[in-house]
Amino acid sequence: MLMPDYQLQKVQLLALIHEAFDQVILGNGVSLHETIEIDDFGSLEARKKARERDEKRDWRKLIQDPELAEISAFGGLSFYDDMGLRFHLPAYMCLVLDQGAVEVSGSLLFHLTDISDYNRQRFAILHEAQRQAVRAFLIYVRNQPNRAFEFDFPAIDEALTTYWTA
């Protein structure tokens, strides 16, 4: 039995994301739970303790971490530095592809389409294959048959034509 086009596209997109971000590690970047401490003006000691419990070497492990989807209203995508965003971004994209409109999907789409100076600075770390994976992700989300992200279509279209260009 053949997969519908959009399911085949999803499988191909997941493979593209995995390949583009294959060797990415967190390094000195901001970690998942560290974003909560930053948002709460936590001390350096609190940030260090939060960081100790986070994944730093394999972003794929984050896809199954329920906290990845839950940490968005407090902490999350707004508080990653460039290295932290590069490490967590593929996990967020895979999560949205696997689970659809999860709590964090709105935040992810906002950050990928709000091309502010702050986000430009953080996205500058991405190499061409990673940028192309983000572009492919946005195109896929834009063209989903269920139109789950219809509210985001104007922002996606604008970001695709002005920043995430081919």
C-alpha atoms as a PDB file:
ATOM      1  CA  MET A   1       0.000   0.000   0.000  1.00  0.00           C
ATOM      2  CA  LEU A   2       1.368   3.406  -0.975  1.00  0.00           C
ATOM      3  CA  MET A   3       1.618   6.281   1.471  1.00  0.00           C
ATOM      4  CA  PRO A   4      -0.291   9.445   0.652  1.00  0.00           C
ATOM      5  CA  ASP A   5       1.981  12.203  -0.666  1.00  0.00           C
ATOM      6  CA  TYR A   6       1.953  14.245   2.534  1.00  0.00           C
ATOM      7  CA  GLN A   7       2.955  11.193   4.616  1.00  0.00           C
ATOM      8  CA  LEU A   8       5.817  10.424   2.236  1.00  0.00           C
ATOM      9  CA  GLN A   9       6.842  14.090   2.374  1.00  0.00           C
ATOM     10  CA  LYS A  10       6.832  13.905   6.170  1.00  0.00           C
ATOM     11  CA  VAL A  11       9.112  10.846   6.158  1.00  0.00           C
ATOM     12  CA  GLN A  12      11.456  12.580   3.715  1.00  0.00           C
ATOM     13  CA  LEU A  13      11.412  15.792   5.758  1.00  0.00           C
ATOM     14  CA  LEU A  14      12.223  13.939   8.980  1.00  0.00           C
ATOM     15  CA  ALA A  15      15.182  12.312   7.202  1.00  0.00           C
ATOM     16  CA  LEU A  16      16.304  15.730   5.922  1.00  0.00           C
ATOM     17  CA  ILE A  17      16.171  17.216   9.426  1.00  0.00           C
ATOM     18  CA  HIS A  18      18.048  14.282  10.928  1.00  0.00           C
ATOM     19  CA  GLU A  19      20.745  14.517   8.272  1.00  0.00           C
ATOM     20  CA  ALA A  20      21.128  18.308   8.448  1.00  0.00           C
ATOM     21  CA  PHE A  21      21.432  18.379  12.236  1.00  0.00           C
ATOM     22  CA  ASP A  22      23.157  14.996  12.634  1.00  0.00           C
ATOM     23  CA  GLN A  23      26.327  16.040  14.460  1.00  0.00           C
ATOM     24  CA  VAL A  24      24.902  18.991  16.405  1.00  0.00           C
ATOM     25  CA  ILE A  25      25.597  19.011  20.137  1.00  0.00           C
ATOM     26  CA  LEU A  26      24.638  21.623  22.715  1.00  0.00           C
ATOM     27  CA  GLY A  27      28.173  22.632  23.627  1.00  0.00           C
ATOM     28  CA  ASN A  28      28.036  25.767  25.772  1.00  0.00           C
ATOM     29  CA  GLY A  29      24.563  26.662  24.517  1.00  0.00           C
ATOM     30  CA  VAL A  30      21.541  27.262  26.720  1.00  0.00           C
ATOM     31  CA  SER A  31      19.717  24.039  27.645  1.00  0.00           C
ATOM     32  CA  LEU A  32      16.000  23.240  27.898  1.00  0.00           C
ATOM     33  CA  HIS A  33      15.513  23.640  31.663  1.00  0.00           C
ATOM     34  CA  GLU A  34      18.035  26.443  31.755  1.00  0.00           C
ATOM     35  CA  THR A  35      15.560  28.507  29.699  1.00  0.00           C
ATOM     36  CA  ILE A  36      13.140  28.381  32.630  1.00  0.00           C
ATOM     37  CA  GLU A  37      15.776  29.737  34.985  1.00  0.00           C
ATOM     38  CA  ILE A  38      16.644  32.502  32.540  1.00  0.00           C
ATOM     39  CA  ASP A  39      12.976  33.442  32.185  1.00  0.00           C
ATOM     40  CA  ASP A  40      12.645  33.467  35.989  1.00  0.00           C
ATOM     41  CA  PHE A  41      15.841  35.534  36.417  1.00  0.00           C
ATOM     42  CA  GLY A  42      17.429  32.557  38.166  1.00  0.00           C
ATOM     43  CA  SER A  43      20.931  32.693  39.573  1.00  0.00           C
ATOM     44  CA  LEU A  44      23.933  31.219  37.800  1.00  0.00           C
ATOM     45  CA  GLU A  45      23.834  28.384  40.334  1.00  0.00           C
ATOM     46  CA  ALA A  46      20.164  27.674  39.531  1.00  0.00           C
ATOM     47  CA  ARG A  47      20.971  27.713  35.819  1.00  0.00           C
ATOM     48  CA  LYS A  48      23.856  25.297  36.383  1.00  0.00           C
ATOM     49  CA  LYS A  49      21.617  22.883  38.329  1.00  0.00           C
ATOM     50  CA  ALA A  50      18.912  23.071  35.666  1.00  0.00           C
ATOM     51  CA  ARG A  51      21.479  22.408  32.951  1.00  0.00           C
ATOM     52  CA  GLU A  52      22.791  19.301  34.741  1.00  0.00           C
ATOM     53  CA  ARG A  53      19.521  17.454  34.137  1.00  0.00           C
ATOM     54  CA  ASP A  54      19.329  18.264  30.420  1.00  0.00           C
ATOM     55  CA  GLU A  55      20.406  16.372  27.319  1.00  0.00           C
ATOM     56  CA  LYS A  56      23.505  17.930  25.764  1.00  0.00           C
ATOM     57  CA  ARG A  57      24.802  15.432  23.190  1.00  0.00           C
ATOM     58  CA  ASP A  58      21.903  13.917  21.231  1.00  0.00           C
ATOM     59  CA  TRP A  59      18.978  16.168  20.331  1.00  0.00           C
ATOM     60  CA  ARG A  60      17.039  13.092  19.111  1.00  0.00           C
ATOM     61  CA  LYS A  61      16.499  12.050  22.732  1.00  0.00           C
ATOM     62  CA  LEU A  62      14.570  15.283  23.305  1.00  0.00           C
ATOM     63  CA  ILE A  63      11.836  14.298  20.839  1.00  0.00           C
ATOM     64  CA  GLN A  64      10.469  11.788  23.359  1.00  0.00           C
ATOM     65  CA  ASP A  65      10.870  14.146  26.329  1.00  0.00           C
ATOM     66  CA  PRO A  66       7.368  15.395  27.213  1.00  0.00           C
ATOM     67  CA  GLU A  67       8.866  18.526  28.740  1.00  0.00           C
ATOM     68  CA  LEU A  68      10.126  19.674  25.336  1.00  0.00           C
ATOM     69  CA  ALA A  69       6.514  20.251  24.277  1.00  0.00           C
ATOM     70  CA  GLU A  70       5.449  21.700  27.610  1.00  0.00           C
ATOM     71  CA  ILE A  71       8.172  24.288  28.167  1.00  0.00           C
ATOM     72  CA  SER A  72       6.940  27.122  25.996  1.00  0.00           C
ATOM     73  CA  ALA A  73       4.872  29.617  27.979  1.00  0.00           C
ATOM     74  CA  PHE A  74       7.574  29.894  30.637  1.00  0.00           C
ATOM     75  CA  GLY A  75      11.076  29.332  29.334  1.00  0.00           C
ATOM     76  CA  GLY A  76      11.529  27.739  25.959  1.00  0.00           C
ATOM     77  CA  LEU A  77      12.323  29.058  22.518  1.00  0.00           C
ATOM     78  CA  SER A  78      12.660  32.738  23.404  1.00  0.00           C
ATOM     79  CA  PHE A  79      15.528  32.050  25.792  1.00  0.00           C
ATOM     80  CA  TYR A  80      17.915  29.881  23.792  1.00  0.00           C
ATOM     81  CA  ASP A  81      21.127  31.410  22.553  1.00  0.00           C
ATOM     82  CA  ASP A  82      22.286  30.512  19.047  1.00  0.00           C
ATOM     83  CA  MET A  83      23.927  27.211  20.080  1.00  0.00           C
ATOM     84  CA  GLY A  84      20.971  26.220  22.247  1.00  0.00           C
ATOM     85  CA  LEU A  85      18.500  27.012  19.484  1.00  0.00           C
ATOM     86  CA  ARG A  86      20.507  25.060  16.898  1.00  0.00           C
ATOM     87  CA  PHE A  87      20.594  22.031  19.234  1.00  0.00           C
ATOM     88  CA  HIS A  88      16.891  22.091  20.176  1.00  0.00           C
ATOM     89  CA  LEU A  89      15.410  23.242  16.857  1.00  0.00           C
ATOM     90  CA  PRO A  90      15.486  19.855  15.088  1.00  0.00           C
ATOM     91  CA  ALA A  91      13.821  18.186  18.079  1.00  0.00           C
ATOM     92  CA  TYR A  92      11.058  20.805  18.065  1.00  0.00           C
ATOM     93  CA  MET A  93      10.509  20.397  14.329  1.00  0.00           C
ATOM     94  CA  CYS A  94      10.396  16.597  14.611  1.00  0.00           C
ATOM     95  CA  LEU A  95       7.990  16.847  17.544  1.00  0.00           C
ATOM     96  CA  VAL A  96       5.589  19.015  15.550  1.00  0.00           C
ATOM     97  CA  LEU A  97       5.874  16.688  12.543  1.00  0.00           C
ATOM     98  CA  ASP A  98       5.212  13.621  14.704  1.00  0.00           C
ATOM     99  CA  GLN A  99       2.491  15.036  16.939  1.00  0.00           C
ATOM    100  CA  GLY A 100       0.998  17.954  15.022  1.00  0.00           C
ATOM    101  CA  ALA A 101      -0.346  20.988  16.812  1.00  0.00           C
ATOM    102  CA  VAL A 102       1.242  20.402  20.207  1.00  0.00           C
ATOM    103  CA  GLU A 103       1.476  23.201  22.748  1.00  0.00           C
ATOM    104  CA  VAL A 104       4.894  24.316  21.567  1.00  0.00           C
ATOM    105  CA  SER A 105       4.039  24.417  17.851  1.00  0.00           C
ATOM    106  CA  GLY A 106       2.746  27.995  18.004  1.00  0.00           C
ATOM    107  CA  SER A 107       5.912  29.150  19.717  1.00  0.00           C
ATOM    108  CA  LEU A 108       8.086  27.308  17.188  1.00  0.00           C
ATOM    109  CA  LEU A 109       6.259  28.814  14.217  1.00  0.00           C
ATOM    110  CA  PHE A 110       6.421  32.261  15.794  1.00  0.00           C
ATOM    111  CA  HIS A 111      10.185  32.052  16.230  1.00  0.00           C
ATOM    112  CA  LEU A 112      10.748  30.678  12.735  1.00  0.00           C
ATOM    113  CA  THR A 113       8.647  33.417  11.158  1.00  0.00           C
ATOM    114  CA  ASP A 114       9.458  36.423  13.374  1.00  0.00           C
ATOM    115  CA  ILE A 115      12.591  37.501  11.595  1.00  0.00           C
ATOM    116  CA  SER A 116      13.663  40.092  14.124  1.00  0.00           C
ATOM    117  CA  ASP A 117      17.290  41.113  14.597  1.00  0.00           C
ATOM    118  CA  TYR A 118      17.365  38.844  17.666  1.00  0.00           C
ATOM    119  CA  ASN A 119      16.249  35.811  15.681  1.00  0.00           C
ATOM    120  CA  ARG A 120      18.491  36.669  12.716  1.00  0.00           C
ATOM    121  CA  GLN A 121      21.438  36.635  15.107  1.00  0.00           C
ATOM    122  CA  ARG A 122      20.430  33.240  16.518  1.00  0.00           C
ATOM    123  CA  PHE A 123      19.714  31.727  13.081  1.00  0.00           C
ATOM    124  CA  ALA A 124      23.075  32.907  11.716  1.00  0.00           C
ATOM    125  CA  ILE A 125      24.697  29.800  13.234  1.00  0.00           C
ATOM    126  CA  LEU A 126      22.737  27.502  10.914  1.00  0.00           C
ATOM    127  CA  HIS A 127      24.616  26.213   7.875  1.00  0.00           C
ATOM    128  CA  GLU A 128      22.993  25.882   4.448  1.00  0.00           C
ATOM    129  CA  ALA A 129      21.643  22.330   4.904  1.00  0.00           C
ATOM    130  CA  GLN A 130      20.097  23.291   8.250  1.00  0.00           C
ATOM    131  CA  ARG A 131      18.526  26.416   6.721  1.00  0.00           C
ATOM    132  CA  GLN A 132      17.118  24.273   3.924  1.00  0.00           C
ATOM    133  CA  ALA A 133      15.654  21.850   6.486  1.00  0.00           C
ATOM    134  CA  VAL A 134      13.909  24.744   8.244  1.00  0.00           C
ATOM    135  CA  ARG A 135      12.608  26.011   4.901  1.00  0.00           C
ATOM    136  CA  ALA A 136      11.324  22.537   3.989  1.00  0.00           C
ATOM    137  CA  PHE A 137       9.659  22.274   7.411  1.00  0.00           C
ATOM    138  CA  LEU A 138       7.843  25.589   6.919  1.00  0.00           C
ATOM    139  CA  ILE A 139       6.735  24.597   3.417  1.00  0.00           C
ATOM    140  CA  TYR A 140       5.453  21.264   4.716  1.00  0.00           C
ATOM    141  CA  VAL A 141       3.521  22.923   7.556  1.00  0.00           C
ATOM    142  CA  ARG A 142       2.129  25.470   5.102  1.00  0.00           C
ATOM    143  CA  ASN A 143       0.915  22.758   2.713  1.00  0.00           C
ATOM    144  CA  GLN A 144      -0.559  20.264   5.194  1.00  0.00           C
ATOM    145  CA  PRO A 145      -3.960  19.060   4.004  1.00  0.00           C
ATOM    146  CA  ASN A 146      -5.548  19.497   7.450  1.00  0.00           C
ATOM    147  CA  ARG A 147      -4.582  23.205   7.521  1.00  0.00           C
ATOM    148  CA  ALA A 148      -3.906  22.946  11.262  1.00  0.00           C
ATOM    149  CA  PHE A 149      -1.648  25.986  11.126  1.00  0.00           C
ATOM    150  CA  GLU A 150      -3.821  28.132   8.864  1.00  0.00           C
ATOM    151  CA  PHE A 151      -3.569  31.084  11.258  1.00  0.00           C
ATOM    152  CA  ASP A 152       0.205  31.090  10.682  1.00  0.00           C
ATOM    153  CA  PHE A 153       0.057  30.984   6.860  1.00  0.00           C
ATOM    154  CA  PRO A 154       0.641  34.726   6.278  1.00  0.00           C
ATOM    155  CA  ALA A 155       3.679  34.753   8.587  1.00  0.00           C
ATOM    156  CA  ILE A 156       5.021  31.545   7.040  1.00  0.00           C
ATOM    157  CA  ASP A 157       4.607  32.946   3.529  1.00  0.00           C
ATOM    158  CA  GLU A 158       6.384  36.152   4.489  1.00  0.00           C
ATOM    159  CA  ALA A 159       9.272  34.319   6.177  1.00  0.00           C
ATOM    160  CA  LEU A 160       9.686  31.983   3.197  1.00  0.00           C
ATOM    161  CA  THR A 161       9.953  34.873   0.755  1.00  0.00           C
ATOM    162  CA  THR A 162      12.067  37.228   2.865  1.00  0.00           C
ATOM    163  CA  TYR A 163      14.337  35.078   5.024  1.00  0.00           C
ATOM    164  CA  TRP A 164      14.133  31.304   4.516  1.00  0.00           C
ATOM    165  CA  THR A 165      14.738  31.663   0.785  1.00  0.00           C
ATOM    166  CA  ALA A 166      15.926  28.875  -1.467  1.00  0.00           C
END
